[in-house]
N, C-alpha and C. Protein backbone atom coordinates (compact mmCIF):
# COMPACT_ATOMS: atom_id res chain seq x y z
N MET A 1 58.08 63.38 -20.27
CA MET A 1 58.75 63.55 -21.53
C MET A 1 59.74 62.41 -21.72
N ARG A 2 59.84 61.92 -22.94
CA ARG A 2 60.76 60.82 -23.22
C ARG A 2 62.20 61.26 -23.06
N SER A 3 63.04 60.36 -22.59
CA SER A 3 64.45 60.70 -22.42
C SER A 3 65.27 60.38 -23.66
N ASP A 4 64.84 59.41 -24.45
CA ASP A 4 65.57 59.12 -25.69
C ASP A 4 65.12 60.12 -26.74
N VAL A 5 66.01 60.37 -27.73
CA VAL A 5 65.73 61.43 -28.69
C VAL A 5 65.55 60.91 -30.11
N GLU A 6 65.62 59.64 -30.33
CA GLU A 6 65.45 59.09 -31.66
C GLU A 6 63.98 58.80 -31.94
N GLY A 7 63.52 59.12 -33.13
CA GLY A 7 62.18 58.78 -33.54
C GLY A 7 61.09 59.44 -32.70
N ILE A 8 61.18 60.74 -32.55
CA ILE A 8 60.21 61.47 -31.73
C ILE A 8 58.89 61.55 -32.49
N ALA A 9 57.87 60.94 -31.95
CA ALA A 9 56.57 60.89 -32.60
C ALA A 9 55.87 62.24 -32.49
N PRO A 10 55.11 62.61 -33.52
CA PRO A 10 54.36 63.87 -33.46
C PRO A 10 53.46 63.98 -32.23
N GLN A 11 52.85 62.88 -31.83
CA GLN A 11 51.98 62.90 -30.65
C GLN A 11 52.78 63.20 -29.39
N THR A 12 54.01 62.73 -29.34
CA THR A 12 54.88 62.98 -28.19
C THR A 12 55.24 64.45 -28.12
N ILE A 13 55.53 65.04 -29.27
CA ILE A 13 55.88 66.46 -29.33
C ILE A 13 54.69 67.30 -28.86
N ARG A 14 53.52 66.98 -29.38
CA ARG A 14 52.31 67.74 -29.02
C ARG A 14 52.02 67.60 -27.53
N GLN A 15 52.09 66.39 -27.01
CA GLN A 15 51.78 66.17 -25.60
C GLN A 15 52.78 66.88 -24.70
N ALA A 16 54.05 66.87 -25.08
CA ALA A 16 55.06 67.56 -24.27
C ALA A 16 54.79 69.06 -24.24
N ARG A 17 54.38 69.62 -25.38
CA ARG A 17 54.04 71.04 -25.43
C ARG A 17 52.84 71.34 -24.53
N LEU A 18 51.82 70.52 -24.66
CA LEU A 18 50.62 70.72 -23.84
C LEU A 18 50.94 70.57 -22.35
N ASP A 19 51.75 69.58 -22.00
CA ASP A 19 52.14 69.36 -20.61
C ASP A 19 52.90 70.57 -20.05
N ALA A 20 53.64 71.26 -20.94
CA ALA A 20 54.39 72.44 -20.53
C ALA A 20 53.51 73.69 -20.49
N GLY A 21 52.27 73.56 -20.96
CA GLY A 21 51.36 74.69 -20.95
C GLY A 21 51.67 75.73 -22.01
N LEU A 22 52.22 75.28 -23.14
CA LEU A 22 52.63 76.20 -24.19
C LEU A 22 51.73 76.11 -25.42
N THR A 23 51.61 77.23 -26.12
CA THR A 23 50.98 77.23 -27.44
C THR A 23 52.04 76.80 -28.45
N GLN A 24 51.61 76.50 -29.67
CA GLN A 24 52.58 76.17 -30.72
C GLN A 24 53.50 77.36 -30.98
N VAL A 25 52.95 78.56 -30.95
CA VAL A 25 53.75 79.76 -31.21
C VAL A 25 54.81 79.94 -30.13
N SER A 26 54.43 79.79 -28.87
CA SER A 26 55.40 79.98 -27.79
C SER A 26 56.43 78.85 -27.74
N ALA A 27 56.02 77.64 -28.06
CA ALA A 27 56.97 76.53 -28.10
C ALA A 27 57.99 76.75 -29.21
N ALA A 28 57.52 77.21 -30.36
CA ALA A 28 58.42 77.49 -31.48
C ALA A 28 59.43 78.57 -31.10
N SER A 29 58.94 79.62 -30.45
CA SER A 29 59.81 80.71 -30.03
C SER A 29 60.87 80.21 -29.04
N LEU A 30 60.47 79.31 -28.20
CA LEU A 30 61.38 78.77 -27.18
C LEU A 30 62.60 78.09 -27.79
N VAL A 31 62.41 77.42 -28.94
CA VAL A 31 63.52 76.71 -29.58
C VAL A 31 64.00 77.40 -30.87
N HIS A 32 63.54 78.64 -31.08
CA HIS A 32 64.03 79.47 -32.18
C HIS A 32 63.70 78.93 -33.57
N VAL A 33 62.47 78.47 -33.74
CA VAL A 33 61.98 78.06 -35.06
C VAL A 33 60.67 78.80 -35.33
N THR A 34 60.19 78.73 -36.56
CA THR A 34 58.93 79.39 -36.88
C THR A 34 57.76 78.56 -36.36
N PRO A 35 56.63 79.21 -36.13
CA PRO A 35 55.44 78.46 -35.73
C PRO A 35 55.05 77.41 -36.77
N LEU A 36 55.28 77.70 -38.05
CA LEU A 36 54.97 76.73 -39.09
C LEU A 36 55.83 75.47 -38.94
N THR A 37 57.08 75.64 -38.61
CA THR A 37 57.96 74.48 -38.39
C THR A 37 57.43 73.63 -37.25
N TRP A 38 57.06 74.29 -36.15
CA TRP A 38 56.53 73.53 -35.01
C TRP A 38 55.26 72.78 -35.41
N LYS A 39 54.39 73.47 -36.13
CA LYS A 39 53.14 72.84 -36.58
C LYS A 39 53.43 71.61 -37.43
N ARG A 40 54.43 71.70 -38.30
CA ARG A 40 54.80 70.56 -39.16
C ARG A 40 55.35 69.41 -38.34
N TRP A 41 56.08 69.70 -37.28
CA TRP A 41 56.57 68.63 -36.40
C TRP A 41 55.41 67.91 -35.74
N GLU A 42 54.42 68.67 -35.25
CA GLU A 42 53.28 68.07 -34.57
C GLU A 42 52.36 67.32 -35.52
N SER A 43 52.31 67.75 -36.77
CA SER A 43 51.43 67.09 -37.74
C SER A 43 52.11 65.88 -38.39
N GLY A 44 53.41 65.76 -38.21
CA GLY A 44 54.14 64.65 -38.81
C GLY A 44 54.63 64.94 -40.22
N ASP A 45 54.44 66.18 -40.70
CA ASP A 45 54.93 66.56 -42.03
C ASP A 45 56.44 66.65 -42.08
N ARG A 46 57.04 66.94 -40.95
CA ARG A 46 58.50 67.03 -40.82
C ARG A 46 58.92 66.28 -39.56
N THR A 47 60.16 65.83 -39.57
CA THR A 47 60.72 65.16 -38.39
C THR A 47 61.52 66.16 -37.58
N MET A 48 61.25 66.20 -36.29
CA MET A 48 62.01 67.09 -35.41
C MET A 48 63.41 66.54 -35.19
N HIS A 49 64.41 67.37 -35.41
CA HIS A 49 65.78 66.96 -35.16
C HIS A 49 65.96 66.77 -33.65
N PRO A 50 66.68 65.75 -33.24
CA PRO A 50 66.86 65.49 -31.81
C PRO A 50 67.41 66.69 -31.03
N ALA A 51 68.21 67.53 -31.67
CA ALA A 51 68.76 68.69 -30.97
C ALA A 51 67.66 69.65 -30.54
N PHE A 52 66.62 69.81 -31.36
CA PHE A 52 65.51 70.68 -30.98
C PHE A 52 64.72 70.08 -29.83
N TRP A 53 64.57 68.76 -29.86
CA TRP A 53 63.86 68.08 -28.78
C TRP A 53 64.59 68.26 -27.46
N GLU A 54 65.91 68.10 -27.49
CA GLU A 54 66.71 68.28 -26.28
C GLU A 54 66.65 69.72 -25.79
N LEU A 55 66.72 70.68 -26.72
CA LEU A 55 66.64 72.08 -26.34
C LEU A 55 65.29 72.39 -25.70
N PHE A 56 64.22 71.89 -26.31
CA PHE A 56 62.89 72.10 -25.75
C PHE A 56 62.80 71.54 -24.33
N ALA A 57 63.26 70.31 -24.16
CA ALA A 57 63.21 69.67 -22.84
C ALA A 57 64.01 70.45 -21.81
N LEU A 58 65.19 70.91 -22.18
CA LEU A 58 66.02 71.67 -21.25
C LEU A 58 65.36 72.99 -20.86
N LYS A 59 64.81 73.69 -21.84
CA LYS A 59 64.19 74.98 -21.55
C LYS A 59 62.92 74.82 -20.72
N VAL A 60 62.14 73.80 -21.00
CA VAL A 60 60.93 73.57 -20.22
C VAL A 60 61.30 73.24 -18.78
N GLU A 61 62.28 72.39 -18.58
CA GLU A 61 62.71 72.03 -17.22
C GLU A 61 63.30 73.23 -16.50
N THR A 62 64.07 74.04 -17.18
CA THR A 62 64.66 75.24 -16.57
C THR A 62 63.57 76.20 -16.15
N GLY A 63 62.56 76.36 -16.99
CA GLY A 63 61.45 77.24 -16.65
C GLY A 63 60.69 76.75 -15.44
N ARG A 64 60.51 75.46 -15.33
CA ARG A 64 59.81 74.89 -14.17
C ARG A 64 60.60 75.10 -12.90
N SER A 65 61.90 74.87 -12.98
CA SER A 65 62.72 74.97 -11.78
C SER A 65 62.85 76.41 -11.30
N ARG A 66 62.71 77.37 -12.19
CA ARG A 66 62.78 78.78 -11.81
C ARG A 66 61.42 79.38 -11.55
N GLY A 67 60.35 78.63 -11.83
CA GLY A 67 59.02 79.12 -11.58
C GLY A 67 58.58 80.20 -12.54
N LYS A 68 59.17 80.25 -13.74
CA LYS A 68 58.84 81.27 -14.72
C LYS A 68 57.59 80.89 -15.48
N ASN A 69 56.95 81.89 -16.05
CA ASN A 69 55.82 81.67 -16.95
C ASN A 69 56.40 81.22 -18.29
N ARG A 70 56.25 79.94 -18.59
CA ARG A 70 56.86 79.38 -19.78
C ARG A 70 56.15 79.79 -21.06
N ASP A 71 55.01 80.46 -20.97
CA ASP A 71 54.29 80.86 -22.17
C ASP A 71 54.80 82.18 -22.73
N GLU A 72 55.74 82.81 -22.03
CA GLU A 72 56.32 84.05 -22.52
C GLU A 72 57.61 83.73 -23.24
N PRO A 73 57.80 84.28 -24.45
CA PRO A 73 59.05 84.05 -25.18
C PRO A 73 60.22 84.58 -24.37
N LYS A 74 61.32 83.85 -24.45
CA LYS A 74 62.52 84.24 -23.70
C LYS A 74 63.29 85.28 -24.48
């Protein structure tokens, strides 16, 4: 996952979600947005705010370090 948060490309968002083993619905739930919002980020219709990217990265890393099933909404 990229460490910088400016100009997050839709392909980067999608790949990070896939790498985390998440569906669009579960990724959206993880950062408290609607599945439609997540879909728009991945399609490039909307730009993901850097705060959501950071939140996603933190939650994915926390889930990995605790060995939790990241596909379950928190």
